[in-house]
Amino acid sequence: MRYTVLILSFVATPALATDWATKPGDVPLSPQELDALAGQTLTFYDDGQSRYSAGGAYSYTYASGESAFGTYTIAEDGSVCIAYRNGFGRCDLYVRSGERLILIDENGHRYPVRPE
């Protein structure tokens, strides 16, 4: 008897046909702005920090000081996809809304980035 094994992987991949929950006035980051994420640390209002390194390394440090590590890629739709070492993944869209930089997750939650 033959069996077919299906292996599911939860690696970050671009969200296919994602309808990002943007609002009027939201402008997704340009390809140049997305490329410029390398070497930046973005701090959110909950004191969490996303660190994008040259070469695609990524870390998120929680306010508690604990960190999650992985890699990031920029998808064709302009979203930033994270593949965490623990096998989980996610894609987010960065937009400018007026003077604010905002991360929108796949569930439509909005997380403003603190200005530098």
PDB file of N, CA and C in Angstrom:
ATOM      1  N   MET A   1       0.835  -1.170   0.000  1.00  0.00           N
ATOM      2  CA  MET A   1       0.000   0.000   0.000  1.00  0.00           C
ATOM      3  C   MET A   1       0.886   1.242   0.000  1.00  0.00           C
ATOM      4  N   ARG A   2       0.545   2.198  -0.805  1.00  0.00           N
ATOM      5  CA  ARG A   2       1.312   3.447  -0.850  1.00  0.00           C
ATOM      6  C   ARG A   2       0.571   4.532  -0.102  1.00  0.00           C
ATOM      7  N   TYR A   3       1.350   5.375   0.552  1.00  0.00           N
ATOM      8  CA  TYR A   3       0.783   6.510   1.264  1.00  0.00           C
ATOM      9  C   TYR A   3       1.449   7.774   0.753  1.00  0.00           C
ATOM     10  N   THR A   4       0.664   8.789   0.613  1.00  0.00           N
ATOM     11  CA  THR A   4       1.202  10.091   0.240  1.00  0.00           C
ATOM     12  C   THR A   4       1.267  10.924   1.503  1.00  0.00           C
ATOM     13  N   VAL A   5       2.416  11.489   1.738  1.00  0.00           N
ATOM     14  CA  VAL A   5       2.609  12.301   2.924  1.00  0.00           C
ATOM     15  C   VAL A   5       2.548  13.767   2.530  1.00  0.00           C
ATOM     16  N   LEU A   6       1.728  14.500   3.207  1.00  0.00           N
ATOM     17  CA  LEU A   6       1.606  15.937   2.976  1.00  0.00           C
ATOM     18  C   LEU A   6       2.272  16.651   4.136  1.00  0.00           C
ATOM     19  N   ILE A   7       3.264  17.441   3.839  1.00  0.00           N
ATOM     20  CA  ILE A   7       3.969  18.196   4.868  1.00  0.00           C
ATOM     21  C   ILE A   7       3.581  19.647   4.728  1.00  0.00           C
ATOM     22  N   LEU A   8       3.059  20.202   5.791  1.00  0.00           N
ATOM     23  CA  LEU A   8       2.686  21.611   5.782  1.00  0.00           C
ATOM     24  C   LEU A   8       3.800  22.418   6.411  1.00  0.00           C
ATOM     25  N   SER A   9       4.067  23.533   5.826  1.00  0.00           N
ATOM     26  CA  SER A   9       5.114  24.405   6.337  1.00  0.00           C
ATOM     27  C   SER A   9       4.524  25.775   6.625  1.00  0.00           C
ATOM     28  N   PHE A  10       4.863  26.317   7.767  1.00  0.00           N
ATOM     29  CA  PHE A  10       4.382  27.636   8.152  1.00  0.00           C
ATOM     30  C   PHE A  10       5.515  28.638   8.040  1.00  0.00           C
ATOM     31  N   VAL A  11       6.033  28.758   6.855  1.00  0.00           N
ATOM     32  CA  VAL A  11       7.103  29.701   6.590  1.00  0.00           C
ATOM     33  C   VAL A  11       6.476  30.953   6.002  1.00  0.00           C
ATOM     34  N   ALA A  12       7.050  32.083   6.322  1.00  0.00           N
ATOM     35  CA  ALA A  12       6.507  33.341   5.805  1.00  0.00           C
ATOM     36  C   ALA A  12       6.622  33.364   4.295  1.00  0.00           C
ATOM     37  N   THR A  13       5.498  33.552   3.671  1.00  0.00           N
ATOM     38  CA  THR A  13       5.462  33.719   2.230  1.00  0.00           C
ATOM     39  C   THR A  13       4.573  34.910   1.950  1.00  0.00           C
ATOM     40  N   PRO A  14       4.773  35.547   0.838  1.00  0.00           N
ATOM     41  CA  PRO A  14       3.927  36.696   0.544  1.00  0.00           C
ATOM     42  C   PRO A  14       2.460  36.298   0.624  1.00  0.00           C
ATOM     43  N   ALA A  15       1.702  37.119   1.253  1.00  0.00           N
ATOM     44  CA  ALA A  15       0.273  36.863   1.368  1.00  0.00           C
ATOM     45  C   ALA A  15      -0.345  37.023  -0.010  1.00  0.00           C
ATOM     46  N   LEU A  16      -0.794  35.924  -0.556  1.00  0.00           N
ATOM     47  CA  LEU A  16      -1.340  35.969  -1.900  1.00  0.00           C
ATOM     48  C   LEU A  16      -2.688  36.672  -1.898  1.00  0.00           C
ATOM     49  N   ALA A  17      -2.830  37.608  -2.784  1.00  0.00           N
ATOM     50  CA  ALA A  17      -4.079  38.345  -2.958  1.00  0.00           C
ATOM     51  C   ALA A  17      -4.585  38.952  -1.651  1.00  0.00           C
ATOM     52  N   THR A  18      -3.657  39.381  -0.821  1.00  0.00           N
ATOM     53  CA  THR A  18      -4.061  40.015   0.429  1.00  0.00           C
ATOM     54  C   THR A  18      -4.643  41.382   0.138  1.00  0.00           C
ATOM     55  N   ASP A  19      -5.788  41.622   0.687  1.00  0.00           N
ATOM     56  CA  ASP A  19      -6.368  42.950   0.618  1.00  0.00           C
ATOM     57  C   ASP A  19      -5.956  43.661   1.894  1.00  0.00           C
ATOM     58  N   TRP A  20      -4.872  44.397   1.815  1.00  0.00           N
ATOM     59  CA  TRP A  20      -4.377  45.083   2.999  1.00  0.00           C
ATOM     60  C   TRP A  20      -5.402  46.109   3.454  1.00  0.00           C
ATOM     61  N   ALA A  21      -5.599  46.184   4.747  1.00  0.00           N
ATOM     62  CA  ALA A  21      -6.601  47.082   5.344  1.00  0.00           C
ATOM     63  C   ALA A  21      -6.055  48.501   5.436  1.00  0.00           C
ATOM     64  N   THR A  22      -5.820  49.086   4.278  1.00  0.00           N
ATOM     65  CA  THR A  22      -5.328  50.461   4.265  1.00  0.00           C
ATOM     66  C   THR A  22      -6.497  51.421   4.432  1.00  0.00           C
ATOM     67  N   LYS A  23      -6.162  52.629   4.815  1.00  0.00           N
ATOM     68  CA  LYS A  23      -7.156  53.690   4.974  1.00  0.00           C
ATOM     69  C   LYS A  23      -6.853  54.785   3.962  1.00  0.00           C
ATOM     70  N   PRO A  24      -7.833  55.633   3.677  1.00  0.00           N
ATOM     71  CA  PRO A  24      -7.555  56.754   2.766  1.00  0.00           C
ATOM     72  C   PRO A  24      -6.356  57.559   3.289  1.00  0.00           C
ATOM     73  N   GLY A  25      -5.444  57.871   2.403  1.00  0.00           N
ATOM     74  CA  GLY A  25      -4.257  58.624   2.781  1.00  0.00           C
ATOM     75  C   GLY A  25      -3.053  57.748   3.066  1.00  0.00           C
ATOM     76  N   ASP A  26      -3.248  56.425   3.224  1.00  0.00           N
ATOM     77  CA  ASP A  26      -2.116  55.513   3.427  1.00  0.00           C
ATOM     78  C   ASP A  26      -1.346  55.364   2.124  1.00  0.00           C
ATOM     79  N   VAL A  27      -0.036  55.503   2.202  1.00  0.00           N
ATOM     80  CA  VAL A  27       0.822  55.335   1.033  1.00  0.00           C
ATOM     81  C   VAL A  27       1.860  54.260   1.362  1.00  0.00           C
ATOM     82  N   PRO A  28       1.788  53.092   0.692  1.00  0.00           N
ATOM     83  CA  PRO A  28       2.789  52.054   0.946  1.00  0.00           C
ATOM     84  C   PRO A  28       4.195  52.574   0.654  1.00  0.00           C
ATOM     85  N   LEU A  29       5.162  52.039   1.401  1.00  0.00           N
ATOM     86  CA  LEU A  29       6.550  52.448   1.173  1.00  0.00           C
ATOM     87  C   LEU A  29       6.978  52.067  -0.239  1.00  0.00           C
ATOM     88  N   SER A  30       7.808  52.892  -0.820  1.00  0.00           N
ATOM     89  CA  SER A  30       8.340  52.642  -2.163  1.00  0.00           C
ATOM     90  C   SER A  30       9.390  51.526  -2.082  1.00  0.00           C
ATOM     91  N   PRO A  31       9.742  50.928  -3.220  1.00  0.00           N
ATOM     92  CA  PRO A  31      10.809  49.921  -3.204  1.00  0.00           C
ATOM     93  C   PRO A  31      12.112  50.458  -2.605  1.00  0.00           C
ATOM     94  N   GLN A  32      12.428  51.722  -2.863  1.00  0.00           N
ATOM     95  CA  GLN A  32      13.652  52.307  -2.308  1.00  0.00           C
ATOM     96  C   GLN A  32      13.556  52.417  -0.781  1.00  0.00           C
ATOM     97  N   GLU A  33      12.398  52.814  -0.279  1.00  0.00           N
ATOM     98  CA  GLU A  33      12.221  52.909   1.173  1.00  0.00           C
ATOM     99  C   GLU A  33      12.280  51.530   1.825  1.00  0.00           C
ATOM    100  N   LEU A  34      11.726  50.535   1.155  1.00  0.00           N
ATOM    101  CA  LEU A  34      11.782  49.172   1.686  1.00  0.00           C
ATOM    102  C   LEU A  34      13.217  48.664   1.711  1.00  0.00           C
ATOM    103  N   ASP A  35      13.974  48.941   0.646  1.00  0.00           N
ATOM    104  CA  ASP A  35      15.386  48.547   0.627  1.00  0.00           C
ATOM    105  C   ASP A  35      16.162  49.221   1.749  1.00  0.00           C
ATOM    106  N   ALA A  36      15.759  50.448   2.092  1.00  0.00           N
ATOM    107  CA  ALA A  36      16.452  51.207   3.140  1.00  0.00           C
ATOM    108  C   ALA A  36      16.147  50.692   4.547  1.00  0.00           C
ATOM    109  N   LEU A  37      15.249  49.717   4.686  1.00  0.00           N
ATOM    110  CA  LEU A  37      15.006  49.124   6.005  1.00  0.00           C
ATOM    111  C   LEU A  37      16.264  48.457   6.545  1.00  0.00           C
ATOM    112  N   ALA A  38      17.096  47.923   5.629  1.00  0.00           N
ATOM    113  CA  ALA A  38      18.337  47.258   6.051  1.00  0.00           C
ATOM    114  C   ALA A  38      19.177  48.210   6.887  1.00  0.00           C
ATOM    115  N   GLY A  39      19.518  47.772   8.082  1.00  0.00           N
ATOM    116  CA  GLY A  39      20.322  48.591   8.979  1.00  0.00           C
ATOM    117  C   GLY A  39      19.493  49.449   9.923  1.00  0.00           C
ATOM    118  N   GLN A  40      18.161  49.372   9.838  1.00  0.00           N
ATOM    119  CA  GLN A  40      17.309  50.199  10.690  1.00  0.00           C
ATOM    120  C   GLN A  40      16.687  49.393  11.821  1.00  0.00           C
ATOM    121  N   THR A  41      16.410  50.101  12.902  1.00  0.00           N
ATOM    122  CA  THR A  41      15.633  49.566  14.012  1.00  0.00           C
ATOM    123  C   THR A  41      14.415  50.460  14.167  1.00  0.00           C
ATOM    124  N   LEU A  42      13.237  49.850  14.097  1.00  0.00           N
ATOM    125  CA  LEU A  42      11.986  50.590  14.255  1.00  0.00           C
ATOM    126  C   LEU A  42      11.423  50.280  15.634  1.00  0.00           C
ATOM    127  N   THR A  43      11.087  51.317  16.379  1.00  0.00           N
ATOM    128  CA  THR A  43      10.544  51.157  17.727  1.00  0.00           C
ATOM    129  C   THR A  43       9.065  51.502  17.712  1.00  0.00           C
ATOM    130  N   PHE A  44       8.272  50.616  18.300  1.00  0.00           N
ATOM    131  CA  PHE A  44       6.832  50.798  18.370  1.00  0.00           C
ATOM    132  C   PHE A  44       6.453  51.374  19.732  1.00  0.00           C
ATOM    133  N   TYR A  45       5.209  51.792  19.875  1.00  0.00           N
ATOM    134  CA  TYR A  45       4.768  52.448  21.104  1.00  0.00           C
ATOM    135  C   TYR A  45       4.669  51.506  22.298  1.00  0.00           C
ATOM    136  N   ASP A  46       4.720  50.183  22.059  1.00  0.00           N
ATOM    137  CA  ASP A  46       4.747  49.242  23.178  1.00  0.00           C
ATOM    138  C   ASP A  46       6.181  48.913  23.589  1.00  0.00           C
ATOM    139  N   ASP A  47       7.142  49.671  23.054  1.00  0.00           N
ATOM    140  CA  ASP A  47       8.581  49.516  23.279  1.00  0.00           C
ATOM    141  C   ASP A  47       9.187  48.302  22.588  1.00  0.00           C
ATOM    142  N   GLY A  48       8.429  47.609  21.755  1.00  0.00           N
ATOM    143  CA  GLY A  48       9.004  46.547  20.937  1.00  0.00           C
ATOM    144  C   GLY A  48       9.834  47.154  19.825  1.00  0.00           C
ATOM    145  N   GLN A  49      10.855  46.403  19.378  1.00  0.00           N
ATOM    146  CA  GLN A  49      11.743  46.907  18.335  1.00  0.00           C
ATOM    147  C   GLN A  49      11.950  45.860  17.243  1.00  0.00           C
ATOM    148  N   SER A  50      11.701  46.280  16.001  1.00  0.00           N
ATOM    149  CA  SER A  50      12.009  45.455  14.836  1.00  0.00           C
ATOM    150  C   SER A  50      13.346  45.914  14.295  1.00  0.00           C
ATOM    151  N   ARG A  51      14.268  44.955  14.154  1.00  0.00           N
ATOM    152  CA  ARG A  51      15.613  45.262  13.669  1.00  0.00           C
ATOM    153  C   ARG A  51      15.835  44.549  12.340  1.00  0.00           C
ATOM    154  N   TYR A  52      16.037  45.331  11.298  1.00  0.00           N
ATOM    155  CA  TYR A  52      16.284  44.799   9.964  1.00  0.00           C
ATOM    156  C   TYR A  52      17.766  44.964   9.646  1.00  0.00           C
ATOM    157  N   SER A  53      18.446  43.855   9.403  1.00  0.00           N
ATOM    158  CA  SER A  53      19.886  43.908   9.146  1.00  0.00           C
ATOM    159  C   SER A  53      20.173  43.679   7.670  1.00  0.00           C
ATOM    160  N   ALA A  54      21.314  44.195   7.232  1.00  0.00           N
ATOM    161  CA  ALA A  54      21.763  43.942   5.864  1.00  0.00           C
ATOM    162  C   ALA A  54      21.902  42.432   5.697  1.00  0.00           C
ATOM    163  N   GLY A  55      21.552  41.925   4.538  1.00  0.00           N
ATOM    164  CA  GLY A  55      21.647  40.492   4.305  1.00  0.00           C
ATOM    165  C   GLY A  55      20.382  39.743   4.668  1.00  0.00           C
ATOM    166  N   GLY A  56      19.364  40.439   5.215  1.00  0.00           N
ATOM    167  CA  GLY A  56      18.088  39.810   5.473  1.00  0.00           C
ATOM    168  C   GLY A  56      17.852  39.279   6.873  1.00  0.00           C
ATOM    169  N   ALA A  57      18.795  39.473   7.790  1.00  0.00           N
ATOM    170  CA  ALA A  57      18.563  39.030   9.173  1.00  0.00           C
ATOM    171  C   ALA A  57      17.540  39.953   9.836  1.00  0.00           C
ATOM    172  N   TYR A  58      16.733  39.384  10.732  1.00  0.00           N
ATOM    173  CA  TYR A  58      15.677  40.129  11.408  1.00  0.00           C
ATOM    174  C   TYR A  58      15.602  39.698  12.865  1.00  0.00           C
ATOM    175  N   SER A  59      15.286  40.659  13.731  1.00  0.00           N
ATOM    176  CA  SER A  59      14.973  40.319  15.117  1.00  0.00           C
ATOM    177  C   SER A  59      13.894  41.260  15.621  1.00  0.00           C
ATOM    178  N   TYR A  60      13.077  40.722  16.503  1.00  0.00           N
ATOM    179  CA  TYR A  60      12.085  41.541  17.194  1.00  0.00           C
ATOM    180  C   TYR A  60      12.370  41.399  18.676  1.00  0.00           C
ATOM    181  N   THR A  61      12.596  42.528  19.340  1.00  0.00           N
ATOM    182  CA  THR A  61      12.862  42.527  20.767  1.00  0.00           C
ATOM    183  C   THR A  61      11.656  43.111  21.487  1.00  0.00           C
ATOM    184  N   TYR A  62      11.103  42.310  22.385  1.00  0.00           N
ATOM    185  CA  TYR A  62       9.938  42.725  23.169  1.00  0.00           C
ATOM    186  C   TYR A  62      10.380  43.684  24.267  1.00  0.00           C
ATOM    187  N   ALA A  63       9.441  44.412  24.827  1.00  0.00           N
ATOM    188  CA  ALA A  63       9.744  45.346  25.917  1.00  0.00           C
ATOM    189  C   ALA A  63      10.398  44.621  27.086  1.00  0.00           C
ATOM    190  N   SER A  64      10.104  43.333  27.246  1.00  0.00           N
ATOM    191  CA  SER A  64      10.682  42.539  28.334  1.00  0.00           C
ATOM    192  C   SER A  64      12.168  42.256  28.119  1.00  0.00           C
ATOM    193  N   GLY A  65      12.649  42.469  26.893  1.00  0.00           N
ATOM    194  CA  GLY A  65      14.041  42.190  26.575  1.00  0.00           C
ATOM    195  C   GLY A  65      14.233  40.885  25.823  1.00  0.00           C
ATOM    196  N   GLU A  66      13.214  40.027  25.784  1.00  0.00           N
ATOM    197  CA  GLU A  66      13.309  38.781  25.030  1.00  0.00           C
ATOM    198  C   GLU A  66      13.246  39.085  23.543  1.00  0.00           C
ATOM    199  N   SER A  67      13.914  38.248  22.750  1.00  0.00           N
ATOM    200  CA  SER A  67      13.958  38.485  21.303  1.00  0.00           C
ATOM    201  C   SER A  67      13.544  37.250  20.527  1.00  0.00           C
ATOM    202  N   ALA A  68      13.006  37.493  19.339  1.00  0.00           N
ATOM    203  CA  ALA A  68      12.697  36.445  18.363  1.00  0.00           C
ATOM    204  C   ALA A  68      13.518  36.763  17.124  1.00  0.00           C
ATOM    205  N   PHE A  69      14.116  35.729  16.522  1.00  0.00           N
ATOM    206  CA  PHE A  69      15.021  35.926  15.408  1.00  0.00           C
ATOM    207  C   PHE A  69      14.521  35.228  14.152  1.00  0.00           C
ATOM    208  N   GLY A  70      14.917  35.774  13.016  1.00  0.00           N
ATOM    209  CA  GLY A  70      14.550  35.174  11.747  1.00  0.00           C
ATOM    210  C   GLY A  70      15.187  35.913  10.599  1.00  0.00           C
ATOM    211  N   THR A  71      14.538  35.821   9.452  1.00  0.00           N
ATOM    212  CA  THR A  71      14.992  36.533   8.255  1.00  0.00           C
ATOM    213  C   THR A  71      13.797  37.247   7.642  1.00  0.00           C
ATOM    214  N   TYR A  72      14.094  38.270   6.858  1.00  0.00           N
ATOM    215  CA  TYR A  72      13.007  38.989   6.192  1.00  0.00           C
ATOM    216  C   TYR A  72      13.268  39.074   4.698  1.00  0.00           C
ATOM    217  N   THR A  73      12.169  39.130   3.959  1.00  0.00           N
ATOM    218  CA  THR A  73      12.220  39.350   2.521  1.00  0.00           C
ATOM    219  C   THR A  73      11.142  40.368   2.166  1.00  0.00           C
ATOM    220  N   ILE A  74      11.333  41.016   1.057  1.00  0.00           N
ATOM    221  CA  ILE A  74      10.344  41.976   0.572  1.00  0.00           C
ATOM    222  C   ILE A  74       9.603  41.323  -0.584  1.00  0.00           C
ATOM    223  N   ALA A  75       8.295  41.202  -0.438  1.00  0.00           N
ATOM    224  CA  ALA A  75       7.462  40.537  -1.444  1.00  0.00           C
ATOM    225  C   ALA A  75       7.142  41.484  -2.593  1.00  0.00           C
ATOM    226  N   GLU A  76       6.656  40.917  -3.674  1.00  0.00           N
ATOM    227  CA  GLU A  76       6.319  41.710  -4.861  1.00  0.00           C
ATOM    228  C   GLU A  76       5.248  42.752  -4.578  1.00  0.00           C
ATOM    229  N   ASP A  77       4.354  42.472  -3.616  1.00  0.00           N
ATOM    230  CA  ASP A  77       3.284  43.430  -3.320  1.00  0.00           C
ATOM    231  C   ASP A  77       3.735  44.533  -2.366  1.00  0.00           C
ATOM    232  N   GLY A  78       5.040  44.523  -2.002  1.00  0.00           N
ATOM    233  CA  GLY A  78       5.573  45.555  -1.117  1.00  0.00           C
ATOM    234  C   GLY A  78       5.473  45.204   0.353  1.00  0.00           C
ATOM    235  N   SER A  79       4.970  44.026   0.669  1.00  0.00           N
ATOM    236  CA  SER A  79       4.916  43.625   2.075  1.00  0.00           C
ATOM    237  C   SER A  79       6.275  43.088   2.506  1.00  0.00           C
ATOM    238  N   VAL A  80       6.501  43.127   3.805  1.00  0.00           N
ATOM    239  CA  VAL A  80       7.737  42.623   4.393  1.00  0.00           C
ATOM    240  C   VAL A  80       7.377  41.331   5.115  1.00  0.00           C
ATOM    241  N   CYS A  81       7.976  40.229   4.669  1.00  0.00           N
ATOM    242  CA  CYS A  81       7.653  38.917   5.228  1.00  0.00           C
ATOM    243  C   CYS A  81       8.791  38.417   6.105  1.00  0.00           C
ATOM    244  N   ILE A  82       8.415  37.944   7.284  1.00  0.00           N
ATOM    245  CA  ILE A  82       9.368  37.455   8.265  1.00  0.00           C
ATOM    246  C   ILE A  82       9.215  35.944   8.389  1.00  0.00           C
ATOM    247  N   ALA A  83      10.317  35.223   8.318  1.00  0.00           N
ATOM    248  CA  ALA A  83      10.359  33.786   8.600  1.00  0.00           C
ATOM    249  C   ALA A  83      11.148  33.631   9.894  1.00  0.00           C
ATOM    250  N   TYR A  84      10.446  33.310  10.980  1.00  0.00           N
ATOM    251  CA  TYR A  84      11.100  33.159  12.280  1.00  0.00           C
ATOM    252  C   TYR A  84      11.792  31.804  12.377  1.00  0.00           C
ATOM    253  N   ARG A  85      12.835  31.726  13.179  1.00  0.00           N
ATOM    254  CA  ARG A  85      13.573  30.481  13.372  1.00  0.00           C
ATOM    255  C   ARG A  85      12.703  29.370  13.943  1.00  0.00           C
ATOM    256  N   ASN A  86      11.648  29.744  14.673  1.00  0.00           N
ATOM    257  CA  ASN A  86      10.785  28.739  15.291  1.00  0.00           C
ATOM    258  C   ASN A  86       9.766  28.157  14.307  1.00  0.00           C
ATOM    259  N   GLY A  87       9.824  28.573  13.029  1.00  0.00           N
ATOM    260  CA  GLY A  87       8.938  28.026  12.013  1.00  0.00           C
ATOM    261  C   GLY A  87       7.718  28.880  11.716  1.00  0.00           C
ATOM    262  N   PHE A  88       7.433  29.848  12.542  1.00  0.00           N
ATOM    263  CA  PHE A  88       6.302  30.727  12.284  1.00  0.00           C
ATOM    264  C   PHE A  88       6.713  31.833  11.323  1.00  0.00           C
ATOM    265  N   GLY A  89       5.737  32.465  10.725  1.00  0.00           N
ATOM    266  CA  GLY A  89       6.022  33.552   9.814  1.00  0.00           C
ATOM    267  C   GLY A  89       4.847  34.502   9.713  1.00  0.00           C
ATOM    268  N   ARG A  90       5.123  35.660   9.140  1.00  0.00           N
ATOM    269  CA  ARG A  90       4.082  36.668   8.952  1.00  0.00           C
ATOM    270  C   ARG A  90       4.532  37.643   7.885  1.00  0.00           C
ATOM    271  N   CYS A  91       3.561  38.338   7.312  1.00  0.00           N
ATOM    272  CA  CYS A  91       3.846  39.411   6.373  1.00  0.00           C
ATOM    273  C   CYS A  91       3.129  40.659   6.856  1.00  0.00           C
ATOM    274  N   ASP A  92       3.771  41.789   6.696  1.00  0.00           N
ATOM    275  CA  ASP A  92       3.228  43.077   7.120  1.00  0.00           C
ATOM    276  C   ASP A  92       3.431  44.082   5.996  1.00  0.00           C
ATOM    277  N   LEU A  93       2.618  45.113   6.028  1.00  0.00           N
ATOM    278  CA  LEU A  93       2.746  46.193   5.057  1.00  0.00           C
ATOM    279  C   LEU A  93       3.049  47.481   5.815  1.00  0.00           C
ATOM    280  N   TYR A  94       4.119  48.172   5.426  1.00  0.00           N
ATOM    281  CA  TYR A  94       4.428  49.479   6.000  1.00  0.00           C
ATOM    282  C   TYR A  94       3.843  50.557   5.108  1.00  0.00           C
ATOM    283  N   VAL A  95       3.155  51.512   5.731  1.00  0.00           N
ATOM    284  CA  VAL A  95       2.586  52.644   4.996  1.00  0.00           C
ATOM    285  C   VAL A  95       2.941  53.942   5.715  1.00  0.00           C
ATOM    286  N   ARG A  96       2.920  55.008   4.953  1.00  0.00           N
ATOM    287  CA  ARG A  96       2.987  56.344   5.537  1.00  0.00           C
ATOM    288  C   ARG A  96       1.568  56.878   5.554  1.00  0.00           C
ATOM    289  N   SER A  97       1.174  57.402   6.689  1.00  0.00           N
ATOM    290  CA  SER A  97      -0.135  58.028   6.840  1.00  0.00           C
ATOM    291  C   SER A  97       0.140  59.410   7.405  1.00  0.00           C
ATOM    292  N   GLY A  98       0.118  60.403   6.537  1.00  0.00           N
ATOM    293  CA  GLY A  98       0.561  61.729   6.957  1.00  0.00           C
ATOM    294  C   GLY A  98       2.041  61.648   7.280  1.00  0.00           C
ATOM    295  N   GLU A  99       2.411  62.075   8.479  1.00  0.00           N
ATOM    296  CA  GLU A  99       3.814  62.037   8.907  1.00  0.00           C
ATOM    297  C   GLU A  99       4.185  60.740   9.613  1.00  0.00           C
ATOM    298  N   ARG A 100       3.207  59.853   9.812  1.00  0.00           N
ATOM    299  CA  ARG A 100       3.439  58.627  10.574  1.00  0.00           C
ATOM    300  C   ARG A 100       3.790  57.439   9.694  1.00  0.00           C
ATOM    301  N   LEU A 101       4.689  56.594  10.211  1.00  0.00           N
ATOM    302  CA  LEU A 101       4.977  55.300   9.608  1.00  0.00           C
ATOM    303  C   LEU A 101       4.171  54.272  10.392  1.00  0.00           C
ATOM    304  N   ILE A 102       3.417  53.436   9.677  1.00  0.00           N
ATOM    305  CA  ILE A 102       2.529  52.477  10.329  1.00  0.00           C
ATOM    306  C   ILE A 102       2.740  51.097   9.727  1.00  0.00           C
ATOM    307  N   LEU A 103       2.807  50.087  10.588  1.00  0.00           N
ATOM    308  CA  LEU A 103       2.842  48.702  10.166  1.00  0.00           C
ATOM    309  C   LEU A 103       1.401  48.179  10.198  1.00  0.00           C
ATOM    310  N   ILE A 104       0.969  47.566   9.110  1.00  0.00           N
ATOM    311  CA  ILE A 104      -0.346  46.928   9.056  1.00  0.00           C
ATOM    312  C   ILE A 104      -0.109  45.430   8.928  1.00  0.00           C
ATOM    313  N   ASP A 105      -0.663  44.643   9.866  1.00  0.00           N
ATOM    314  CA  ASP A 105      -0.476  43.199   9.764  1.00  0.00           C
ATOM    315  C   ASP A 105      -1.579  42.588   8.899  1.00  0.00           C
ATOM    316  N   GLU A 106      -1.472  41.281   8.654  1.00  0.00           N
ATOM    317  CA  GLU A 106      -2.418  40.596   7.775  1.00  0.00           C
ATOM    318  C   GLU A 106      -3.847  40.601   8.314  1.00  0.00           C
ATOM    319  N   ASN A 107      -3.992  40.845   9.613  1.00  0.00           N
ATOM    320  CA  ASN A 107      -5.325  40.912  10.221  1.00  0.00           C
ATOM    321  C   ASN A 107      -5.900  42.320  10.210  1.00  0.00           C
ATOM    322  N   GLY A 108      -5.144  43.270   9.662  1.00  0.00           N
ATOM    323  CA  GLY A 108      -5.622  44.641   9.582  1.00  0.00           C
ATOM    324  C   GLY A 108      -5.297  45.496  10.792  1.00  0.00           C
ATOM    325  N   HIS A 109      -4.567  44.935  11.764  1.00  0.00           N
ATOM    326  CA  HIS A 109      -4.165  45.731  12.937  1.00  0.00           C
ATOM    327  C   HIS A 109      -3.094  46.727  12.519  1.00  0.00           C
ATOM    328  N   ARG A 110      -3.160  47.896  13.081  1.00  0.00           N
ATOM    329  CA  ARG A 110      -2.236  48.984  12.744  1.00  0.00           C
ATOM    330  C   ARG A 110      -1.334  49.289  13.939  1.00  0.00           C
ATOM    331  N   TYR A 111      -0.034  49.330  13.688  1.00  0.00           N
ATOM    332  CA  TYR A 111       0.948  49.591  14.726  1.00  0.00           C
ATOM    333  C   TYR A 111       1.831  50.763  14.310  1.00  0.00           C
ATOM    334  N   PRO A 112       1.598  51.950  14.856  1.00  0.00           N
ATOM    335  CA  PRO A 112       2.434  53.093  14.495  1.00  0.00           C
ATOM    336  C   PRO A 112       3.855  52.928  15.041  1.00  0.00           C
ATOM    337  N   VAL A 113       4.798  53.401  14.242  1.00  0.00           N
ATOM    338  CA  VAL A 113       6.198  53.402  14.633  1.00  0.00           C
ATOM    339  C   VAL A 113       6.499  54.747  15.283  1.00  0.00           C
ATOM    340  N   ARG A 114       7.217  54.704  16.400  1.00  0.00           N
ATOM    341  CA  ARG A 114       7.602  55.952  17.063  1.00  0.00           C
ATOM    342  C   ARG A 114       8.554  56.732  16.176  1.00  0.00           C
ATOM    343  N   PRO A 115       8.385  58.050  16.128  1.00  0.00           N
ATOM    344  CA  PRO A 115       9.376  58.838  15.365  1.00  0.00           C
ATOM    345  C   PRO A 115      10.736  58.763  16.063  1.00  0.00           C
ATOM    346  N   GLU A 116      11.769  58.887  15.275  1.00  0.00           N
ATOM    347  CA  GLU A 116      13.133  58.804  15.840  1.00  0.00           C
ATOM    348  C   GLU A 116      13.454  59.989  16.701  1.00  0.00           C
TER     349      GLU A 116
END
